[in-house]
Amino acid sequence: MENLKSKDPLHGITLQKIVEQLVAHYGFDTLGELIKVKCFTDNPSVKSSLIFLRKTDWARKQVEDLYVKTVSKSQN
């Protein structure tokens, strides 16, 4: 049987890994400009961002969307 790879770019990637990669790529300053949430602008950290994003669906969706766009750009 063939190994089927998921077409979902977020498959198998944790929220922590997404945030860490976005911070490494953009930094908190730019993330705060791209996604207007306090966890990226006021005393930001990966830990505080994860706490907020796990409770806030709309913000997590914005972070996931930015991650997908960033990954697709880097693969081209």
PDB file of N, CA and C in Angstrom:
ATOM      1  N   MET A   1       0.840  -1.184   0.000  1.00  0.00           N
ATOM      2  CA  MET A   1       0.000   0.000   0.000  1.00  0.00           C
ATOM      3  C   MET A   1       0.884   1.247   0.000  1.00  0.00           C
ATOM      4  N   GLU A   2       0.474   2.245  -0.738  1.00  0.00           N
ATOM      5  CA  GLU A   2       1.236   3.484  -0.835  1.00  0.00           C
ATOM      6  C   GLU A   2       1.109   4.321   0.430  1.00  0.00           C
ATOM      7  N   ASN A   3       2.170   5.052   0.732  1.00  0.00           N
ATOM      8  CA  ASN A   3       2.092   6.022   1.828  1.00  0.00           C
ATOM      9  C   ASN A   3       1.395   7.263   1.305  1.00  0.00           C
ATOM     10  N   LEU A   4       0.277   7.603   1.900  1.00  0.00           N
ATOM     11  CA  LEU A   4      -0.466   8.784   1.477  1.00  0.00           C
ATOM     12  C   LEU A   4      -0.054   9.957   2.343  1.00  0.00           C
ATOM     13  N   LYS A   5       0.377  11.025   1.704  1.00  0.00           N
ATOM     14  CA  LYS A   5       0.785  12.220   2.427  1.00  0.00           C
ATOM     15  C   LYS A   5      -0.412  13.169   2.491  1.00  0.00           C
ATOM     16  N   SER A   6      -0.651  13.711   3.667  1.00  0.00           N
ATOM     17  CA  SER A   6      -1.759  14.648   3.839  1.00  0.00           C
ATOM     18  C   SER A   6      -1.497  15.918   3.039  1.00  0.00           C
ATOM     19  N   LYS A   7      -2.538  16.444   2.443  1.00  0.00           N
ATOM     20  CA  LYS A   7      -2.420  17.697   1.697  1.00  0.00           C
ATOM     21  C   LYS A   7      -2.551  18.913   2.614  1.00  0.00           C
ATOM     22  N   ASP A   8      -2.895  18.666   3.853  1.00  0.00           N
ATOM     23  CA  ASP A   8      -3.014  19.752   4.828  1.00  0.00           C
ATOM     24  C   ASP A   8      -1.611  20.188   5.254  1.00  0.00           C
ATOM     25  N   PRO A   9      -1.218  21.450   4.964  1.00  0.00           N
ATOM     26  CA  PRO A   9       0.133  21.901   5.321  1.00  0.00           C
ATOM     27  C   PRO A   9       0.370  21.970   6.829  1.00  0.00           C
ATOM     28  N   LEU A  10      -0.689  21.905   7.627  1.00  0.00           N
ATOM     29  CA  LEU A  10      -0.548  21.968   9.078  1.00  0.00           C
ATOM     30  C   LEU A  10      -0.527  20.580   9.719  1.00  0.00           C
ATOM     31  N   HIS A  11      -0.704  19.547   8.906  1.00  0.00           N
ATOM     32  CA  HIS A  11      -0.752  18.181   9.422  1.00  0.00           C
ATOM     33  C   HIS A  11       0.556  17.819  10.128  1.00  0.00           C
ATOM     34  N   GLY A  12       0.444  17.402  11.380  1.00  0.00           N
ATOM     35  CA  GLY A  12       1.601  16.951  12.132  1.00  0.00           C
ATOM     36  C   GLY A  12       2.470  18.049  12.714  1.00  0.00           C
ATOM     37  N   ILE A  13       2.047  19.298  12.598  1.00  0.00           N
ATOM     38  CA  ILE A  13       2.835  20.409  13.121  1.00  0.00           C
ATOM     39  C   ILE A  13       2.105  21.000  14.329  1.00  0.00           C
ATOM     40  N   THR A  14       2.816  21.099  15.438  1.00  0.00           N
ATOM     41  CA  THR A  14       2.194  21.628  16.647  1.00  0.00           C
ATOM     42  C   THR A  14       2.105  23.148  16.585  1.00  0.00           C
ATOM     43  N   LEU A  15       1.197  23.688  17.370  1.00  0.00           N
ATOM     44  CA  LEU A  15       1.067  25.137  17.459  1.00  0.00           C
ATOM     45  C   LEU A  15       2.368  25.752  17.969  1.00  0.00           C
ATOM     46  N   GLN A  16       3.033  25.091  18.889  1.00  0.00           N
ATOM     47  CA  GLN A  16       4.299  25.603  19.409  1.00  0.00           C
ATOM     48  C   GLN A  16       5.327  25.708  18.288  1.00  0.00           C
ATOM     49  N   LYS A  17       5.431  24.703  17.449  1.00  0.00           N
ATOM     50  CA  LYS A  17       6.382  24.726  16.337  1.00  0.00           C
ATOM     51  C   LYS A  17       6.044  25.854  15.361  1.00  0.00           C
ATOM     52  N   ILE A  18       4.749  26.055  15.103  1.00  0.00           N
ATOM     53  CA  ILE A  18       4.314  27.128  14.203  1.00  0.00           C
ATOM     54  C   ILE A  18       4.763  28.479  14.753  1.00  0.00           C
ATOM     55  N   VAL A  19       4.475  28.726  16.028  1.00  0.00           N
ATOM     56  CA  VAL A  19       4.833  30.015  16.647  1.00  0.00           C
ATOM     57  C   VAL A  19       6.350  30.190  16.649  1.00  0.00           C
ATOM     58  N   GLU A  20       7.083  29.163  17.011  1.00  0.00           N
ATOM     59  CA  GLU A  20       8.547  29.266  17.050  1.00  0.00           C
ATOM     60  C   GLU A  20       9.115  29.578  15.668  1.00  0.00           C
ATOM     61  N   GLN A  21       8.586  28.943  14.629  1.00  0.00           N
ATOM     62  CA  GLN A  21       9.090  29.200  13.277  1.00  0.00           C
ATOM     63  C   GLN A  21       8.730  30.605  12.808  1.00  0.00           C
ATOM     64  N   LEU A  22       7.523  31.067  13.139  1.00  0.00           N
ATOM     65  CA  LEU A  22       7.138  32.425  12.749  1.00  0.00           C
ATOM     66  C   LEU A  22       7.984  33.466  13.483  1.00  0.00           C
ATOM     67  N   VAL A  23       8.258  33.243  14.754  1.00  0.00           N
ATOM     68  CA  VAL A  23       9.101  34.164  15.518  1.00  0.00           C
ATOM     69  C   VAL A  23      10.514  34.172  14.945  1.00  0.00           C
ATOM     70  N   ALA A  24      11.023  33.009  14.587  1.00  0.00           N
ATOM     71  CA  ALA A  24      12.362  32.940  14.005  1.00  0.00           C
ATOM     72  C   ALA A  24      12.416  33.658  12.656  1.00  0.00           C
ATOM     73  N   HIS A  25      11.338  33.557  11.895  1.00  0.00           N
ATOM     74  CA  HIS A  25      11.302  34.154  10.556  1.00  0.00           C
ATOM     75  C   HIS A  25      11.038  35.666  10.595  1.00  0.00           C
ATOM     76  N   TYR A  26      10.027  36.064  11.378  1.00  0.00           N
ATOM     77  CA  TYR A  26       9.592  37.466  11.389  1.00  0.00           C
ATOM     78  C   TYR A  26      10.062  38.255  12.613  1.00  0.00           C
ATOM     79  N   GLY A  27      10.182  37.596  13.752  1.00  0.00           N
ATOM     80  CA  GLY A  27      10.407  38.295  15.011  1.00  0.00           C
ATOM     81  C   GLY A  27       9.077  38.775  15.580  1.00  0.00           C
ATOM     82  N   PHE A  28       9.045  39.028  16.886  1.00  0.00           N
ATOM     83  CA  PHE A  28       7.795  39.441  17.517  1.00  0.00           C
ATOM     84  C   PHE A  28       7.313  40.808  17.024  1.00  0.00           C
ATOM     85  N   ASP A  29       8.236  41.718  16.720  1.00  0.00           N
ATOM     86  CA  ASP A  29       7.827  43.049  16.262  1.00  0.00           C
ATOM     87  C   ASP A  29       6.998  42.961  14.985  1.00  0.00           C
ATOM     88  N   THR A  30       7.494  42.240  14.003  1.00  0.00           N
ATOM     89  CA  THR A  30       6.771  42.112  12.735  1.00  0.00           C
ATOM     90  C   THR A  30       5.512  41.279  12.907  1.00  0.00           C
ATOM     91  N   LEU A  31       5.572  40.228  13.726  1.00  0.00           N
ATOM     92  CA  LEU A  31       4.364  39.431  13.978  1.00  0.00           C
ATOM     93  C   LEU A  31       3.264  40.307  14.572  1.00  0.00           C
ATOM     94  N   GLY A  32       3.643  41.191  15.489  1.00  0.00           N
ATOM     95  CA  GLY A  32       2.673  42.097  16.095  1.00  0.00           C
ATOM     96  C   GLY A  32       2.060  43.055  15.094  1.00  0.00           C
ATOM     97  N   GLU A  33       2.794  43.392  14.047  1.00  0.00           N
ATOM     98  CA  GLU A  33       2.249  44.247  12.990  1.00  0.00           C
ATOM     99  C   GLU A  33       1.341  43.447  12.047  1.00  0.00           C
ATOM    100  N   LEU A  34       1.730  42.217  11.764  1.00  0.00           N
ATOM    101  CA  LEU A  34       0.954  41.382  10.844  1.00  0.00           C
ATOM    102  C   LEU A  34      -0.321  40.838  11.473  1.00  0.00           C
ATOM    103  N   ILE A  35      -0.230  40.482  12.746  1.00  0.00           N
ATOM    104  CA  ILE A  35      -1.383  39.947  13.487  1.00  0.00           C
ATOM    105  C   ILE A  35      -1.527  40.781  14.748  1.00  0.00           C
ATOM    106  N   LYS A  36      -2.565  41.556  14.800  1.00  0.00           N
ATOM    107  CA  LYS A  36      -2.752  42.533  15.880  1.00  0.00           C
ATOM    108  C   LYS A  36      -3.309  41.869  17.144  1.00  0.00           C
ATOM    109  N   VAL A  37      -2.427  41.240  17.906  1.00  0.00           N
ATOM    110  CA  VAL A  37      -2.809  40.668  19.197  1.00  0.00           C
ATOM    111  C   VAL A  37      -1.726  41.020  20.219  1.00  0.00           C
ATOM    112  N   LYS A  38      -2.149  41.242  21.453  1.00  0.00           N
ATOM    113  CA  LYS A  38      -1.223  41.687  22.500  1.00  0.00           C
ATOM    114  C   LYS A  38      -0.133  40.679  22.812  1.00  0.00           C
ATOM    115  N   CYS A  39      -0.411  39.397  22.603  1.00  0.00           N
ATOM    116  CA  CYS A  39       0.611  38.398  22.946  1.00  0.00           C
ATOM    117  C   CYS A  39       1.850  38.534  22.066  1.00  0.00           C
ATOM    118  N   PHE A  40       1.755  39.260  20.945  1.00  0.00           N
ATOM    119  CA  PHE A  40       2.911  39.503  20.092  1.00  0.00           C
ATOM    120  C   PHE A  40       3.495  40.901  20.282  1.00  0.00           C
ATOM    121  N   THR A  41       2.792  41.782  20.997  1.00  0.00           N
ATOM    122  CA  THR A  41       3.261  43.155  21.127  1.00  0.00           C
ATOM    123  C   THR A  41       3.626  43.550  22.555  1.00  0.00           C
ATOM    124  N   ASP A  42       2.922  43.053  23.553  1.00  0.00           N
ATOM    125  CA  ASP A  42       3.172  43.439  24.945  1.00  0.00           C
ATOM    126  C   ASP A  42       3.896  42.326  25.691  1.00  0.00           C
ATOM    127  N   ASN A  43       5.190  42.529  25.935  1.00  0.00           N
ATOM    128  CA  ASN A  43       6.001  41.544  26.651  1.00  0.00           C
ATOM    129  C   ASN A  43       5.851  40.146  26.035  1.00  0.00           C
ATOM    130  N   PRO A  44       6.154  40.001  24.746  1.00  0.00           N
ATOM    131  CA  PRO A  44       5.883  38.740  24.052  1.00  0.00           C
ATOM    132  C   PRO A  44       6.829  37.606  24.439  1.00  0.00           C
ATOM    133  N   SER A  45       6.273  36.416  24.432  1.00  0.00           N
ATOM    134  CA  SER A  45       7.060  35.198  24.594  1.00  0.00           C
ATOM    135  C   SER A  45       6.297  34.074  23.906  1.00  0.00           C
ATOM    136  N   VAL A  46       6.998  33.027  23.568  1.00  0.00           N
ATOM    137  CA  VAL A  46       6.338  31.883  22.939  1.00  0.00           C
ATOM    138  C   VAL A  46       5.313  31.299  23.907  1.00  0.00           C
ATOM    139  N   LYS A  47       5.691  31.178  25.173  1.00  0.00           N
ATOM    140  CA  LYS A  47       4.797  30.575  26.165  1.00  0.00           C
ATOM    141  C   LYS A  47       3.491  31.364  26.311  1.00  0.00           C
ATOM    142  N   SER A  48       3.576  32.680  26.465  1.00  0.00           N
ATOM    143  CA  SER A  48       2.358  33.476  26.632  1.00  0.00           C
ATOM    144  C   SER A  48       1.534  33.475  25.353  1.00  0.00           C
ATOM    145  N   SER A  49       2.200  33.439  24.218  1.00  0.00           N
ATOM    146  CA  SER A  49       1.484  33.393  22.943  1.00  0.00           C
ATOM    147  C   SER A  49       0.701  32.088  22.815  1.00  0.00           C
ATOM    148  N   LEU A  50       1.321  30.977  23.205  1.00  0.00           N
ATOM    149  CA  LEU A  50       0.638  29.683  23.127  1.00  0.00           C
ATOM    150  C   LEU A  50      -0.584  29.643  24.032  1.00  0.00           C
ATOM    151  N   ILE A  51      -0.460  30.190  25.225  1.00  0.00           N
ATOM    152  CA  ILE A  51      -1.601  30.211  26.151  1.00  0.00           C
ATOM    153  C   ILE A  51      -2.768  30.966  25.520  1.00  0.00           C
ATOM    154  N   PHE A  52      -2.492  32.130  24.951  1.00  0.00           N
ATOM    155  CA  PHE A  52      -3.539  32.939  24.326  1.00  0.00           C
ATOM    156  C   PHE A  52      -4.105  32.246  23.087  1.00  0.00           C
ATOM    157  N   LEU A  53      -3.247  31.759  22.220  1.00  0.00           N
ATOM    158  CA  LEU A  53      -3.698  31.177  20.951  1.00  0.00           C
ATOM    159  C   LEU A  53      -4.499  29.893  21.146  1.00  0.00           C
ATOM    160  N   ARG A  54      -4.201  29.143  22.183  1.00  0.00           N
ATOM    161  CA  ARG A  54      -4.954  27.909  22.446  1.00  0.00           C
ATOM    162  C   ARG A  54      -6.378  28.209  22.909  1.00  0.00           C
ATOM    163  N   LYS A  55      -6.604  29.401  23.445  1.00  0.00           N
ATOM    164  CA  LYS A  55      -7.943  29.786  23.917  1.00  0.00           C
ATOM    165  C   LYS A  55      -8.709  30.612  22.905  1.00  0.00           C
ATOM    166  N   THR A  56      -8.032  31.134  21.896  1.00  0.00           N
ATOM    167  CA  THR A  56      -8.645  32.120  21.000  1.00  0.00           C
ATOM    168  C   THR A  56      -8.587  31.629  19.556  1.00  0.00           C
ATOM    169  N   ASP A  57      -9.700  31.060  19.106  1.00  0.00           N
ATOM    170  CA  ASP A  57      -9.744  30.436  17.781  1.00  0.00           C
ATOM    171  C   ASP A  57      -9.428  31.396  16.643  1.00  0.00           C
ATOM    172  N   TRP A  58      -9.969  32.614  16.671  1.00  0.00           N
ATOM    173  CA  TRP A  58      -9.769  33.546  15.557  1.00  0.00           C
ATOM    174  C   TRP A  58      -8.302  33.942  15.422  1.00  0.00           C
ATOM    175  N   ALA A  59      -7.619  34.105  16.566  1.00  0.00           N
ATOM    176  CA  ALA A  59      -6.199  34.472  16.525  1.00  0.00           C
ATOM    177  C   ALA A  59      -5.353  33.290  16.056  1.00  0.00           C
ATOM    178  N   ARG A  60      -5.683  32.091  16.540  1.00  0.00           N
ATOM    179  CA  ARG A  60      -4.954  30.901  16.109  1.00  0.00           C
ATOM    180  C   ARG A  60      -5.098  30.706  14.599  1.00  0.00           C
ATOM    181  N   LYS A  61      -6.279  30.961  14.065  1.00  0.00           N
ATOM    182  CA  LYS A  61      -6.524  30.843  12.622  1.00  0.00           C
ATOM    183  C   LYS A  61      -5.639  31.813  11.845  1.00  0.00           C
ATOM    184  N   GLN A  62      -5.505  33.036  12.334  1.00  0.00           N
ATOM    185  CA  GLN A  62      -4.652  34.022  11.668  1.00  0.00           C
ATOM    186  C   GLN A  62      -3.188  33.575  11.688  1.00  0.00           C
ATOM    187  N   VAL A  63      -2.740  33.019  12.800  1.00  0.00           N
ATOM    188  CA  VAL A  63      -1.361  32.538  12.917  1.00  0.00           C
ATOM    189  C   VAL A  63      -1.142  31.360  11.967  1.00  0.00           C
ATOM    190  N   GLU A  64      -2.088  30.434  11.938  1.00  0.00           N
ATOM    191  CA  GLU A  64      -1.964  29.282  11.041  1.00  0.00           C
ATOM    192  C   GLU A  64      -1.958  29.721   9.581  1.00  0.00           C
ATOM    193  N   ASP A  65      -2.805  30.672   9.229  1.00  0.00           N
ATOM    194  CA  ASP A  65      -2.849  31.174   7.851  1.00  0.00           C
ATOM    195  C   ASP A  65      -1.527  31.839   7.461  1.00  0.00           C
ATOM    196  N   LEU A  66      -0.964  32.630   8.365  1.00  0.00           N
ATOM    197  CA  LEU A  66       0.317  33.269   8.097  1.00  0.00           C
ATOM    198  C   LEU A  66       1.408  32.214   7.931  1.00  0.00           C
ATOM    199  N   TYR A  67       1.375  31.198   8.748  1.00  0.00           N
ATOM    200  CA  TYR A  67       2.357  30.118   8.653  1.00  0.00           C
ATOM    201  C   TYR A  67       2.276  29.431   7.287  1.00  0.00           C
ATOM    202  N   VAL A  68       1.071  29.116   6.846  1.00  0.00           N
ATOM    203  CA  VAL A  68       0.881  28.454   5.554  1.00  0.00           C
ATOM    204  C   VAL A  68       1.410  29.344   4.430  1.00  0.00           C
ATOM    205  N   LYS A  69       1.107  30.638   4.474  1.00  0.00           N
ATOM    206  CA  LYS A  69       1.610  31.559   3.441  1.00  0.00           C
ATOM    207  C   LYS A  69       3.132  31.637   3.472  1.00  0.00           C
ATOM    208  N   THR A  70       3.702  31.679   4.662  1.00  0.00           N
ATOM    209  CA  THR A  70       5.150  31.781   4.809  1.00  0.00           C
ATOM    210  C   THR A  70       5.839  30.525   4.296  1.00  0.00           C
ATOM    211  N   VAL A  71       5.311  29.373   4.625  1.00  0.00           N
ATOM    212  CA  VAL A  71       5.902  28.111   4.191  1.00  0.00           C
ATOM    213  C   VAL A  71       5.785  27.963   2.679  1.00  0.00           C
ATOM    214  N   SER A  72       4.639  28.331   2.120  1.00  0.00           N
ATOM    215  CA  SER A  72       4.463  28.187   0.671  1.00  0.00           C
ATOM    216  C   SER A  72       5.395  29.131  -0.093  1.00  0.00           C
ATOM    217  N   LYS A  73       5.648  30.311   0.441  1.00  0.00           N
ATOM    218  CA  LYS A  73       6.584  31.259  -0.207  1.00  0.00           C
ATOM    219  C   LYS A  73       8.006  30.715  -0.160  1.00  0.00           C
ATOM    220  N   SER A  74       8.392  30.112   0.948  1.00  0.00           N
ATOM    221  CA  SER A  74       9.763  29.631   1.088  1.00  0.00           C
ATOM    222  C   SER A  74      10.016  28.373   0.258  1.00  0.00           C
ATOM    223  N   GLN A  75       8.964  27.665  -0.126  1.00  0.00           N
ATOM    224  CA  GLN A  75       9.122  26.467  -0.942  1.00  0.00           C
ATOM    225  C   GLN A  75       9.165  26.790  -2.433  1.00  0.00           C
ATOM    226  N   ASN A  76       8.821  28.000  -2.801  1.00  0.00           N
ATOM    227  CA  ASN A  76       8.843  28.383  -4.231  1.00  0.00           C
ATOM    228  C   ASN A  76      10.185  28.906  -4.645  1.00  0.00           C
TER     229      ASN A  76
END
